[in-house]
Amino acid sequence: MATGWAGDNAVNDQIRDSIADEVQRARDSLPKGPGLDFCEECGDPIPEARKRALPGVRLCVQCQKEAEADRDRQAVSPYNRKGSKDSQLR
């Protein structure tokens, strides 16, 4: 008989499903296919251990750090887009 109430584990199930979705999204964003022997940015050789650890890798460690730092800098916004309209108008 349906009562309209969520089961005892509904919140835990939702959390588990959300985590599983995020893990899959992260896995899907990883590089795929054959990696490169040399960094596509600077041309330095990519160590064999890095290629084994990250299949599909295209950048050396230093260039990867720089690319992530650039991406992080671009992600910062001076606007509070999560706040209410009132907080943005002040």
Protein backbone atom coordinates (compact mmCIF):
# COMPACT_ATOMS: atom_id res chain seq x y z
CA MET A 1 0.00 0.00 0.00
CA ALA A 2 1.47 3.36 -1.05
CA THR A 3 1.37 5.97 1.68
CA GLY A 4 3.08 8.84 -0.16
CA TRP A 5 5.97 8.80 2.30
CA ALA A 6 9.53 8.15 1.31
CA GLY A 7 11.12 5.00 2.65
CA ASP A 8 13.45 4.97 5.64
CA ASN A 9 16.52 5.03 3.45
CA ALA A 10 15.29 7.51 0.83
CA VAL A 11 17.75 10.25 1.81
CA ASN A 12 20.67 7.82 1.90
CA ASP A 13 19.61 6.41 -1.48
CA GLN A 14 19.47 9.89 -2.96
CA ILE A 15 22.92 10.77 -1.59
CA ARG A 16 24.38 7.49 -2.89
CA ASP A 17 22.86 8.08 -6.35
CA SER A 18 24.13 11.67 -6.44
CA ILE A 19 27.64 10.53 -5.56
CA ALA A 20 27.51 7.77 -8.18
CA ASP A 21 26.40 10.31 -10.81
CA GLU A 22 29.26 12.67 -9.93
CA VAL A 23 31.82 9.86 -9.98
CA GLN A 24 30.59 8.82 -13.44
CA ARG A 25 30.68 12.45 -14.64
CA ALA A 26 34.28 12.76 -13.42
CA ARG A 27 35.27 9.50 -15.10
CA ASP A 28 33.65 10.63 -18.35
CA SER A 29 35.68 13.84 -18.28
CA LEU A 30 39.02 12.01 -18.10
CA PRO A 31 41.05 11.81 -21.31
CA LYS A 32 40.45 8.71 -23.37
CA GLY A 33 42.33 6.96 -26.09
CA PRO A 34 46.05 6.82 -26.66
CA GLY A 35 48.10 9.38 -24.83
CA LEU A 36 51.02 11.32 -26.19
CA ASP A 37 54.71 10.59 -25.78
CA PHE A 38 55.49 14.30 -25.70
CA CYS A 39 53.58 17.17 -24.08
CA GLU A 40 51.37 18.95 -26.61
CA GLU A 41 52.21 22.32 -24.97
CA CYS A 42 55.97 22.33 -24.34
CA GLY A 43 57.16 19.22 -26.21
CA ASP A 44 58.89 17.65 -23.19
CA PRO A 45 58.65 13.85 -22.89
CA ILE A 46 55.82 12.55 -20.75
CA PRO A 47 57.16 10.00 -18.22
CA GLU A 48 56.05 6.41 -18.72
CA ALA A 49 54.65 6.26 -15.15
CA ARG A 50 52.39 9.26 -15.88
CA LYS A 51 51.14 7.64 -19.09
CA ARG A 52 50.31 4.43 -17.19
CA ALA A 53 48.57 6.33 -14.39
CA LEU A 54 46.55 8.57 -16.74
CA PRO A 55 45.65 6.84 -20.01
CA GLY A 56 45.11 9.47 -22.68
CA VAL A 57 47.36 12.05 -20.97
CA ARG A 58 48.38 14.90 -23.29
CA LEU A 59 50.28 17.26 -20.98
CA CYS A 60 53.35 16.99 -18.76
CA VAL A 61 52.88 17.66 -15.04
CA GLN A 62 54.04 21.29 -15.22
CA CYS A 63 51.81 22.18 -18.17
CA GLN A 64 48.88 20.38 -16.51
CA LYS A 65 49.38 22.49 -13.36
CA GLU A 66 49.47 25.67 -15.43
CA ALA A 67 46.34 24.68 -17.37
CA GLU A 68 44.46 23.95 -14.14
CA ALA A 69 45.63 27.24 -12.59
CA ASP A 70 44.43 29.15 -15.68
CA ARG A 71 41.08 27.36 -15.53
CA ASP A 72 40.73 28.15 -11.82
CA ARG A 73 41.52 31.84 -12.40
CA GLN A 74 38.89 32.05 -15.14
CA ALA A 75 36.27 30.38 -12.94
CA VAL A 76 36.35 33.18 -10.34
CA SER A 77 33.51 35.64 -10.79
CA PRO A 78 33.14 38.99 -9.02
CA TYR A 79 29.38 38.51 -8.88
CA ASN A 80 27.45 36.60 -6.25
CA ARG A 81 25.25 34.57 -8.56
CA LYS A 82 24.02 32.33 -5.77
CA GLY A 83 22.74 35.10 -3.54
CA SER A 84 19.31 36.65 -3.57
CA LYS A 85 18.51 39.64 -5.77
CA ASP A 86 18.43 41.83 -2.67
CA SER A 87 21.99 40.89 -1.72
CA GLN A 88 23.19 41.71 -5.24
CA LEU A 89 21.51 45.12 -5.25
CA ARG A 90 23.20 46.31 -2.05
